[in-house]
Amino acid sequence: MRERKPNQMKTPYPILRYLPLTPCMQRLYASDLSAEQKTSHANHQTEERSMCHPSDVEAWRHFDQTYLDFTTEPRNARLGLYTNDFAPQGKY
């Protein structure tokens, strides 16, 4: 460990947490009911003046138009990154 001077503040160390994604996705699609619900975004109808599914927003439509080979299968998972207003190392 590094030695610290008496009035020096501690420096936090960066930690990278690893989430094994493949087993999580396998468990998610193991149930027939769960897999059926994952395709609801392709079959739903939008109601005016109510909360909407993310598939109704412009970014989702842009993704669909850009990656046609991916979007032809509605069961493909779309993962998003959410940081809760936290900018890692002040970048963004």
PDB file of N, CA and C in Angstrom:
ATOM      1  N   MET A   1       0.815  -1.184   0.000  1.00  0.00           N
ATOM      2  CA  MET A   1       0.000   0.000   0.000  1.00  0.00           C
ATOM      3  C   MET A   1       0.860   1.250   0.000  1.00  0.00           C
ATOM      4  N   ARG A   2       0.341   2.277  -0.601  1.00  0.00           N
ATOM      5  CA  ARG A   2       1.075   3.537  -0.624  1.00  0.00           C
ATOM      6  C   ARG A   2       1.037   4.192   0.749  1.00  0.00           C
ATOM      7  N   GLU A   3       2.139   4.835   1.065  1.00  0.00           N
ATOM      8  CA  GLU A   3       2.165   5.576   2.321  1.00  0.00           C
ATOM      9  C   GLU A   3       1.496   6.922   2.118  1.00  0.00           C
ATOM     10  N   ARG A   4       0.865   7.385   3.154  1.00  0.00           N
ATOM     11  CA  ARG A   4       0.110   8.614   3.093  1.00  0.00           C
ATOM     12  C   ARG A   4       0.718   9.624   4.053  1.00  0.00           C
ATOM     13  N   LYS A   5       0.792  10.855   3.602  1.00  0.00           N
ATOM     14  CA  LYS A   5       1.269  11.923   4.478  1.00  0.00           C
ATOM     15  C   LYS A   5       0.157  12.260   5.463  1.00  0.00           C
ATOM     16  N   PRO A   6       0.483  12.804   6.623  1.00  0.00           N
ATOM     17  CA  PRO A   6      -0.522  13.020   7.674  1.00  0.00           C
ATOM     18  C   PRO A   6      -1.758  13.819   7.242  1.00  0.00           C
ATOM     19  N   ASN A   7      -1.633  14.870   6.475  1.00  0.00           N
ATOM     20  CA  ASN A   7      -2.784  15.701   6.106  1.00  0.00           C
ATOM     21  C   ASN A   7      -3.256  15.466   4.675  1.00  0.00           C
ATOM     22  N   GLN A   8      -2.871  14.372   4.095  1.00  0.00           N
ATOM     23  CA  GLN A   8      -3.231  14.087   2.708  1.00  0.00           C
ATOM     24  C   GLN A   8      -4.545  13.306   2.663  1.00  0.00           C
ATOM     25  N   MET A   9      -5.417  13.695   1.748  1.00  0.00           N
ATOM     26  CA  MET A   9      -6.699  13.000   1.617  1.00  0.00           C
ATOM     27  C   MET A   9      -6.506  11.678   0.885  1.00  0.00           C
ATOM     28  N   LYS A  10      -7.394  10.732   1.154  1.00  0.00           N
ATOM     29  CA  LYS A  10      -7.337   9.442   0.472  1.00  0.00           C
ATOM     30  C   LYS A  10      -7.813   9.610  -0.963  1.00  0.00           C
ATOM     31  N   THR A  11      -7.221   8.866  -1.879  1.00  0.00           N
ATOM     32  CA  THR A  11      -7.597   8.901  -3.284  1.00  0.00           C
ATOM     33  C   THR A  11      -8.383   7.639  -3.609  1.00  0.00           C
ATOM     34  N   PRO A  12      -9.578   7.766  -4.184  1.00  0.00           N
ATOM     35  CA  PRO A  12     -10.340   6.563  -4.527  1.00  0.00           C
ATOM     36  C   PRO A  12      -9.713   5.832  -5.716  1.00  0.00           C
ATOM     37  N   TYR A  13      -9.807   4.525  -5.693  1.00  0.00           N
ATOM     38  CA  TYR A  13      -9.308   3.711  -6.789  1.00  0.00           C
ATOM     39  C   TYR A  13     -10.460   3.391  -7.733  1.00  0.00           C
ATOM     40  N   PRO A  14     -10.225   3.446  -9.037  1.00  0.00           N
ATOM     41  CA  PRO A  14     -11.299   3.082  -9.970  1.00  0.00           C
ATOM     42  C   PRO A  14     -11.570   1.577  -9.905  1.00  0.00           C
ATOM     43  N   ILE A  15     -12.837   1.215  -9.897  1.00  0.00           N
ATOM     44  CA  ILE A  15     -13.225  -0.193  -9.825  1.00  0.00           C
ATOM     45  C   ILE A  15     -14.116  -0.502 -11.016  1.00  0.00           C
ATOM     46  N   LEU A  16     -13.819  -1.567 -11.724  1.00  0.00           N
ATOM     47  CA  LEU A  16     -14.646  -2.007 -12.844  1.00  0.00           C
ATOM     48  C   LEU A  16     -15.429  -3.231 -12.397  1.00  0.00           C
ATOM     49  N   ARG A  17     -16.721  -3.128 -12.393  1.00  0.00           N
ATOM     50  CA  ARG A  17     -17.570  -4.259 -12.007  1.00  0.00           C
ATOM     51  C   ARG A  17     -17.937  -5.030 -13.269  1.00  0.00           C
ATOM     52  N   TYR A  18     -17.846  -6.344 -13.197  1.00  0.00           N
ATOM     53  CA  TYR A  18     -18.115  -7.191 -14.353  1.00  0.00           C
ATOM     54  C   TYR A  18     -19.453  -7.879 -14.163  1.00  0.00           C
ATOM     55  N   LEU A  19     -20.315  -7.759 -15.131  1.00  0.00           N
ATOM     56  CA  LEU A  19     -21.604  -8.428 -15.124  1.00  0.00           C
ATOM     57  C   LEU A  19     -21.612  -9.422 -16.275  1.00  0.00           C
ATOM     58  N   PRO A  20     -21.599 -10.720 -15.973  1.00  0.00           N
ATOM     59  CA  PRO A  20     -21.628 -11.709 -17.057  1.00  0.00           C
ATOM     60  C   PRO A  20     -22.980 -11.667 -17.769  1.00  0.00           C
ATOM     61  N   LEU A  21     -22.995 -11.121 -18.950  1.00  0.00           N
ATOM     62  CA  LEU A  21     -24.238 -10.855 -19.667  1.00  0.00           C
ATOM     63  C   LEU A  21     -24.866 -12.111 -20.273  1.00  0.00           C
ATOM     64  N   THR A  22     -24.055 -13.017 -20.795  1.00  0.00           N
ATOM     65  CA  THR A  22     -24.596 -14.194 -21.485  1.00  0.00           C
ATOM     66  C   THR A  22     -25.481 -15.052 -20.582  1.00  0.00           C
ATOM     67  N   PRO A  23     -25.048 -15.437 -19.375  1.00  0.00           N
ATOM     68  CA  PRO A  23     -25.944 -16.235 -18.528  1.00  0.00           C
ATOM     69  C   PRO A  23     -27.229 -15.495 -18.153  1.00  0.00           C
ATOM     70  N   CYS A  24     -27.139 -14.189 -17.971  1.00  0.00           N
ATOM     71  CA  CYS A  24     -28.348 -13.409 -17.646  1.00  0.00           C
ATOM     72  C   CYS A  24     -29.349 -13.462 -18.797  1.00  0.00           C
ATOM     73  N   MET A  25     -28.864 -13.318 -20.013  1.00  0.00           N
ATOM     74  CA  MET A  25     -29.755 -13.355 -21.174  1.00  0.00           C
ATOM     75  C   MET A  25     -30.331 -14.757 -21.380  1.00  0.00           C
ATOM     76  N   GLN A  26     -29.541 -15.791 -21.117  1.00  0.00           N
ATOM     77  CA  GLN A  26     -30.042 -17.160 -21.254  1.00  0.00           C
ATOM     78  C   GLN A  26     -31.177 -17.417 -20.265  1.00  0.00           C
ATOM     79  N   ARG A  27     -31.027 -16.959 -19.027  1.00  0.00           N
ATOM     80  CA  ARG A  27     -32.093 -17.127 -18.042  1.00  0.00           C
ATOM     81  C   ARG A  27     -33.323 -16.308 -18.415  1.00  0.00           C
ATOM     82  N   LEU A  28     -33.106 -15.146 -18.988  1.00  0.00           N
ATOM     83  CA  LEU A  28     -34.212 -14.276 -19.366  1.00  0.00           C
ATOM     84  C   LEU A  28     -35.104 -14.932 -20.422  1.00  0.00           C
ATOM     85  N   TYR A  29     -34.502 -15.644 -21.364  1.00  0.00           N
ATOM     86  CA  TYR A  29     -35.260 -16.267 -22.449  1.00  0.00           C
ATOM     87  C   TYR A  29     -35.577 -17.739 -22.201  1.00  0.00           C
ATOM     88  N   ALA A  30     -35.300 -18.253 -21.013  1.00  0.00           N
ATOM     89  CA  ALA A  30     -35.552 -19.665 -20.731  1.00  0.00           C
ATOM     90  C   ALA A  30     -37.048 -19.972 -20.673  1.00  0.00           C
ATOM     91  N   SER A  31     -37.838 -19.052 -20.212  1.00  0.00           N
ATOM     92  CA  SER A  31     -39.281 -19.246 -20.089  1.00  0.00           C
ATOM     93  C   SER A  31     -39.980 -18.829 -21.384  1.00  0.00           C
ATOM     94  N   ASP A  32     -40.961 -19.616 -21.806  1.00  0.00           N
ATOM     95  CA  ASP A  32     -41.734 -19.276 -23.006  1.00  0.00           C
ATOM     96  C   ASP A  32     -42.517 -17.977 -22.807  1.00  0.00           C
ATOM     97  N   LEU A  33     -43.066 -17.789 -21.618  1.00  0.00           N
ATOM     98  CA  LEU A  33     -43.833 -16.579 -21.333  1.00  0.00           C
ATOM     99  C   LEU A  33     -42.934 -15.343 -21.407  1.00  0.00           C
ATOM    100  N   SER A  34     -41.763 -15.454 -20.828  1.00  0.00           N
ATOM    101  CA  SER A  34     -40.821 -14.331 -20.852  1.00  0.00           C
ATOM    102  C   SER A  34     -40.396 -14.005 -22.278  1.00  0.00           C
ATOM    103  N   ALA A  35     -40.115 -15.015 -23.072  1.00  0.00           N
ATOM    104  CA  ALA A  35     -39.699 -14.796 -24.460  1.00  0.00           C
ATOM    105  C   ALA A  35     -40.826 -14.160 -25.274  1.00  0.00           C
ATOM    106  N   GLU A  36     -42.059 -14.556 -24.991  1.00  0.00           N
ATOM    107  CA  GLU A  36     -43.201 -13.972 -25.705  1.00  0.00           C
ATOM    108  C   GLU A  36     -43.361 -12.488 -25.358  1.00  0.00           C
ATOM    109  N   GLN A  37     -43.139 -12.142 -24.109  1.00  0.00           N
ATOM    110  CA  GLN A  37     -43.259 -10.746 -23.689  1.00  0.00           C
ATOM    111  C   GLN A  37     -42.165  -9.873 -24.294  1.00  0.00           C
ATOM    112  N   LYS A  38     -41.051 -10.464 -24.635  1.00  0.00           N
ATOM    113  CA  LYS A  38     -39.948  -9.697 -25.216  1.00  0.00           C
ATOM    114  C   LYS A  38     -40.245  -9.258 -26.645  1.00  0.00           C
ATOM    115  N   THR A  39     -41.253  -9.835 -27.268  1.00  0.00           N
ATOM    116  CA  THR A  39     -41.612  -9.434 -28.630  1.00  0.00           C
ATOM    117  C   THR A  39     -42.799  -8.472 -28.653  1.00  0.00           C
ATOM    118  N   SER A  40     -43.282  -8.072 -27.498  1.00  0.00           N
ATOM    119  CA  SER A  40     -44.476  -7.218 -27.449  1.00  0.00           C
ATOM    120  C   SER A  40     -44.249  -5.866 -28.112  1.00  0.00           C
ATOM    121  N   HIS A  41     -43.013  -5.377 -28.139  1.00  0.00           N
ATOM    122  CA  HIS A  41     -42.748  -4.071 -28.758  1.00  0.00           C
ATOM    123  C   HIS A  41     -43.009  -4.095 -30.255  1.00  0.00           C
ATOM    124  N   ALA A  42     -42.922  -5.274 -30.871  1.00  0.00           N
ATOM    125  CA  ALA A  42     -43.163  -5.375 -32.311  1.00  0.00           C
ATOM    126  C   ALA A  42     -44.656  -5.462 -32.626  1.00  0.00           C
ATOM    127  N   ASN A  43     -45.461  -5.878 -31.648  1.00  0.00           N
ATOM    128  CA  ASN A  43     -46.882  -6.124 -31.902  1.00  0.00           C
ATOM    129  C   ASN A  43     -47.824  -5.142 -31.224  1.00  0.00           C
ATOM    130  N   HIS A  44     -47.327  -4.218 -30.445  1.00  0.00           N
ATOM    131  CA  HIS A  44     -48.212  -3.342 -29.665  1.00  0.00           C
ATOM    132  C   HIS A  44     -48.772  -2.199 -30.511  1.00  0.00           C
ATOM    133  N   GLN A  45     -49.832  -1.615 -30.001  1.00  0.00           N
ATOM    134  CA  GLN A  45     -50.416  -0.446 -30.656  1.00  0.00           C
ATOM    135  C   GLN A  45     -50.296   0.741 -29.707  1.00  0.00           C
ATOM    136  N   THR A  46     -49.996   1.889 -30.257  1.00  0.00           N
ATOM    137  CA  THR A  46     -49.784   3.082 -29.458  1.00  0.00           C
ATOM    138  C   THR A  46     -51.096   3.802 -29.186  1.00  0.00           C
ATOM    139  N   GLU A  47     -51.280   4.224 -27.935  1.00  0.00           N
ATOM    140  CA  GLU A  47     -52.441   5.029 -27.573  1.00  0.00           C
ATOM    141  C   GLU A  47     -51.986   6.467 -27.381  1.00  0.00           C
ATOM    142  N   GLU A  48     -52.771   7.388 -27.890  1.00  0.00           N
ATOM    143  CA  GLU A  48     -52.453   8.806 -27.721  1.00  0.00           C
ATOM    144  C   GLU A  48     -52.612   9.210 -26.258  1.00  0.00           C
ATOM    145  N   ARG A  49     -51.838  10.184 -25.829  1.00  0.00           N
ATOM    146  CA  ARG A  49     -51.929  10.801 -24.508  1.00  0.00           C
ATOM    147  C   ARG A  49     -51.669   9.822 -23.375  1.00  0.00           C
ATOM    148  N   SER A  50     -50.845   8.828 -23.584  1.00  0.00           N
ATOM    149  CA  SER A  50     -50.489   7.909 -22.508  1.00  0.00           C
ATOM    150  C   SER A  50     -48.995   7.624 -22.580  1.00  0.00           C
ATOM    151  N   MET A  51     -48.484   7.035 -21.542  1.00  0.00           N
ATOM    152  CA  MET A  51     -47.073   6.698 -21.513  1.00  0.00           C
ATOM    153  C   MET A  51     -46.765   5.724 -22.634  1.00  0.00           C
ATOM    154  N   CYS A  52     -45.635   5.912 -23.304  1.00  0.00           N
ATOM    155  CA  CYS A  52     -45.359   5.062 -24.460  1.00  0.00           C
ATOM    156  C   CYS A  52     -44.152   4.160 -24.220  1.00  0.00           C
ATOM    157  N   HIS A  53     -44.100   3.104 -24.974  1.00  0.00           N
ATOM    158  CA  HIS A  53     -42.976   2.166 -24.955  1.00  0.00           C
ATOM    159  C   HIS A  53     -41.793   2.824 -25.661  1.00  0.00           C
ATOM    160  N   PRO A  54     -40.551   2.509 -25.263  1.00  0.00           N
ATOM    161  CA  PRO A  54     -39.393   3.116 -25.943  1.00  0.00           C
ATOM    162  C   PRO A  54     -39.355   2.870 -27.446  1.00  0.00           C
ATOM    163  N   SER A  55     -40.056   1.858 -27.938  1.00  0.00           N
ATOM    164  CA  SER A  55     -40.045   1.599 -29.379  1.00  0.00           C
ATOM    165  C   SER A  55     -40.788   2.673 -30.161  1.00  0.00           C
ATOM    166  N   ASP A  56     -41.526   3.546 -29.476  1.00  0.00           N
ATOM    167  CA  ASP A  56     -42.261   4.613 -30.151  1.00  0.00           C
ATOM    168  C   ASP A  56     -41.432   5.874 -30.356  1.00  0.00           C
ATOM    169  N   VAL A  57     -40.253   5.937 -29.797  1.00  0.00           N
ATOM    170  CA  VAL A  57     -39.462   7.171 -29.875  1.00  0.00           C
ATOM    171  C   VAL A  57     -38.574   7.186 -31.116  1.00  0.00           C
ATOM    172  N   GLU A  58     -38.117   8.370 -31.462  1.00  0.00           N
ATOM    173  CA  GLU A  58     -37.359   8.572 -32.696  1.00  0.00           C
ATOM    174  C   GLU A  58     -36.042   7.788 -32.716  1.00  0.00           C
ATOM    175  N   ALA A  59     -35.361   7.690 -31.588  1.00  0.00           N
ATOM    176  CA  ALA A  59     -34.074   6.985 -31.542  1.00  0.00           C
ATOM    177  C   ALA A  59     -34.250   5.506 -31.883  1.00  0.00           C
ATOM    178  N   TRP A  60     -35.339   4.894 -31.417  1.00  0.00           N
ATOM    179  CA  TRP A  60     -35.604   3.479 -31.700  1.00  0.00           C
ATOM    180  C   TRP A  60     -35.866   3.300 -33.195  1.00  0.00           C
ATOM    181  N   ARG A  61     -36.647   4.203 -33.768  1.00  0.00           N
ATOM    182  CA  ARG A  61     -36.934   4.113 -35.210  1.00  0.00           C
ATOM    183  C   ARG A  61     -35.670   4.296 -36.041  1.00  0.00           C
ATOM    184  N   HIS A  62     -34.806   5.203 -35.608  1.00  0.00           N
ATOM    185  CA  HIS A  62     -33.539   5.418 -36.315  1.00  0.00           C
ATOM    186  C   HIS A  62     -32.678   4.154 -36.260  1.00  0.00           C
ATOM    187  N   PHE A  63     -32.633   3.503 -35.107  1.00  0.00           N
ATOM    188  CA  PHE A  63     -31.887   2.252 -34.967  1.00  0.00           C
ATOM    189  C   PHE A  63     -32.463   1.189 -35.898  1.00  0.00           C
ATOM    190  N   ASP A  64     -33.794   1.105 -35.962  1.00  0.00           N
ATOM    191  CA  ASP A  64     -34.444   0.131 -36.846  1.00  0.00           C
ATOM    192  C   ASP A  64     -34.070   0.353 -38.307  1.00  0.00           C
ATOM    193  N   GLN A  65     -34.017   1.603 -38.731  1.00  0.00           N
ATOM    194  CA  GLN A  65     -33.681   1.904 -40.124  1.00  0.00           C
ATOM    195  C   GLN A  65     -32.201   1.680 -40.416  1.00  0.00           C
ATOM    196  N   THR A  66     -31.353   1.897 -39.432  1.00  0.00           N
ATOM    197  CA  THR A  66     -29.909   1.759 -39.634  1.00  0.00           C
ATOM    198  C   THR A  66     -29.480   0.298 -39.668  1.00  0.00           C
ATOM    199  N   TYR A  67     -30.042  -0.534 -38.795  1.00  0.00           N
ATOM    200  CA  TYR A  67     -29.622  -1.935 -38.669  1.00  0.00           C
ATOM    201  C   TYR A  67     -30.776  -2.865 -39.034  1.00  0.00           C
ATOM    202  N   LEU A  68     -31.117  -2.904 -40.299  1.00  0.00           N
ATOM    203  CA  LEU A  68     -32.253  -3.705 -40.755  1.00  0.00           C
ATOM    204  C   LEU A  68     -32.067  -5.193 -40.499  1.00  0.00           C
ATOM    205  N   ASP A  69     -30.842  -5.704 -40.644  1.00  0.00           N
ATOM    206  CA  ASP A  69     -30.620  -7.136 -40.427  1.00  0.00           C
ATOM    207  C   ASP A  69     -30.849  -7.526 -38.965  1.00  0.00           C
ATOM    208  N   PHE A  70     -30.597  -6.630 -38.036  1.00  0.00           N
ATOM    209  CA  PHE A  70     -30.814  -6.905 -36.614  1.00  0.00           C
ATOM    210  C   PHE A  70     -32.293  -6.796 -36.252  1.00  0.00           C
ATOM    211  N   THR A  71     -32.974  -5.839 -36.823  1.00  0.00           N
ATOM    212  CA  THR A  71     -34.352  -5.559 -36.413  1.00  0.00           C
ATOM    213  C   THR A  71     -35.390  -6.472 -37.053  1.00  0.00           C
ATOM    214  N   THR A  72     -35.002  -7.298 -38.005  1.00  0.00           N
ATOM    215  CA  THR A  72     -35.980  -8.210 -38.599  1.00  0.00           C
ATOM    216  C   THR A  72     -36.428  -9.272 -37.603  1.00  0.00           C
ATOM    217  N   GLU A  73     -35.607  -9.590 -36.616  1.00  0.00           N
ATOM    218  CA  GLU A  73     -35.977 -10.558 -35.582  1.00  0.00           C
ATOM    219  C   GLU A  73     -36.378  -9.792 -34.321  1.00  0.00           C
ATOM    220  N   PRO A  74     -37.676  -9.767 -33.965  1.00  0.00           N
ATOM    221  CA  PRO A  74     -38.114  -8.961 -32.824  1.00  0.00           C
ATOM    222  C   PRO A  74     -37.613  -9.469 -31.474  1.00  0.00           C
ATOM    223  N   ARG A  75     -37.114 -10.708 -31.403  1.00  0.00           N
ATOM    224  CA  ARG A  75     -36.623 -11.232 -30.126  1.00  0.00           C
ATOM    225  C   ARG A  75     -35.203 -10.794 -29.805  1.00  0.00           C
ATOM    226  N   ASN A  76     -34.529 -10.117 -30.727  1.00  0.00           N
ATOM    227  CA  ASN A  76     -33.184  -9.631 -30.439  1.00  0.00           C
ATOM    228  C   ASN A  76     -33.244  -8.603 -29.316  1.00  0.00           C
ATOM    229  N   ALA A  77     -32.328  -8.724 -28.384  1.00  0.00           N
ATOM    230  CA  ALA A  77     -32.319  -7.828 -27.220  1.00  0.00           C
ATOM    231  C   ALA A  77     -31.584  -6.540 -27.542  1.00  0.00           C
ATOM    232  N   ARG A  78     -32.162  -5.442 -27.126  1.00  0.00           N
ATOM    233  CA  ARG A  78     -31.520  -4.133 -27.280  1.00  0.00           C
ATOM    234  C   ARG A  78     -31.126  -3.677 -25.886  1.00  0.00           C
ATOM    235  N   LEU A  79     -29.851  -3.553 -25.680  1.00  0.00           N
ATOM    236  CA  LEU A  79     -29.351  -3.171 -24.366  1.00  0.00           C
ATOM    237  C   LEU A  79     -29.022  -1.692 -24.355  1.00  0.00           C
ATOM    238  N   GLY A  80     -29.338  -1.045 -23.280  1.00  0.00           N
ATOM    239  CA  GLY A  80     -29.022   0.370 -23.130  1.00  0.00           C
ATOM    240  C   GLY A  80     -28.173   0.587 -21.891  1.00  0.00           C
ATOM    241  N   LEU A  81     -27.437   1.648 -21.894  1.00  0.00           N
ATOM    242  CA  LEU A  81     -26.603   1.991 -20.750  1.00  0.00           C
ATOM    243  C   LEU A  81     -27.219   3.186 -20.052  1.00  0.00           C
ATOM    244  N   TYR A  82     -27.443   3.055 -18.772  1.00  0.00           N
ATOM    245  CA  TYR A  82     -28.041   4.120 -17.986  1.00  0.00           C
ATOM    246  C   TYR A  82     -27.076   4.483 -16.872  1.00  0.00           C
ATOM    247  N   THR A  83     -26.730   5.740 -16.766  1.00  0.00           N
ATOM    248  CA  THR A  83     -25.737   6.143 -15.776  1.00  0.00           C
ATOM    249  C   THR A  83     -26.314   6.950 -14.625  1.00  0.00           C
ATOM    250  N   ASN A  84     -27.587   7.283 -14.636  1.00  0.00           N
ATOM    251  CA  ASN A  84     -28.222   8.024 -13.558  1.00  0.00           C
ATOM    252  C   ASN A  84     -27.483   9.327 -13.261  1.00  0.00           C
ATOM    253  N   ASP A  85     -27.235  10.105 -14.300  1.00  0.00           N
ATOM    254  CA  ASP A  85     -26.551  11.401 -14.198  1.00  0.00           C
ATOM    255  C   ASP A  85     -25.127  11.300 -13.673  1.00  0.00           C
ATOM    256  N   PHE A  86     -24.526  10.148 -13.770  1.00  0.00           N
ATOM    257  CA  PHE A  86     -23.145   9.968 -13.332  1.00  0.00           C
ATOM    258  C   PHE A  86     -22.257   9.926 -14.562  1.00  0.00           C
ATOM    259  N   ALA A  87     -21.280  10.797 -14.634  1.00  0.00           N
ATOM    260  CA  ALA A  87     -20.367  10.832 -15.776  1.00  0.00           C
ATOM    261  C   ALA A  87     -19.033  10.224 -15.356  1.00  0.00           C
ATOM    262  N   PRO A  88     -18.702   9.035 -15.865  1.00  0.00           N
ATOM    263  CA  PRO A  88     -17.444   8.418 -15.464  1.00  0.00           C
ATOM    264  C   PRO A  88     -16.250   9.272 -15.863  1.00  0.00           C
ATOM    265  N   GLN A  89     -15.411   9.570 -14.928  1.00  0.00           N
ATOM    266  CA  GLN A  89     -14.197  10.377 -15.097  1.00  0.00           C
ATOM    267  C   GLN A  89     -14.476  11.713 -15.768  1.00  0.00           C
ATOM    268  N   GLY A  90     -15.678  12.256 -15.601  1.00  0.00           N
ATOM    269  CA  GLY A  90     -16.011  13.573 -16.129  1.00  0.00           C
ATOM    270  C   GLY A  90     -16.075  13.646 -17.637  1.00  0.00           C
ATOM    271  N   LYS A  91     -16.274  12.534 -18.325  1.00  0.00           N
ATOM    272  CA  LYS A  91     -16.282  12.508 -19.798  1.00  0.00           C
ATOM    273  C   LYS A  91     -17.656  12.825 -20.319  1.00  0.00           C
ATOM    274  N   TYR A  92     -18.467  13.050 -20.684  1.00  0.00           N
ATOM    275  CA  TYR A  92     -19.783  13.185 -21.236  1.00  0.00           C
ATOM    276  C   TYR A  92     -20.432  14.374 -20.638  1.00  0.00           C
TER     277      TYR A  92
END
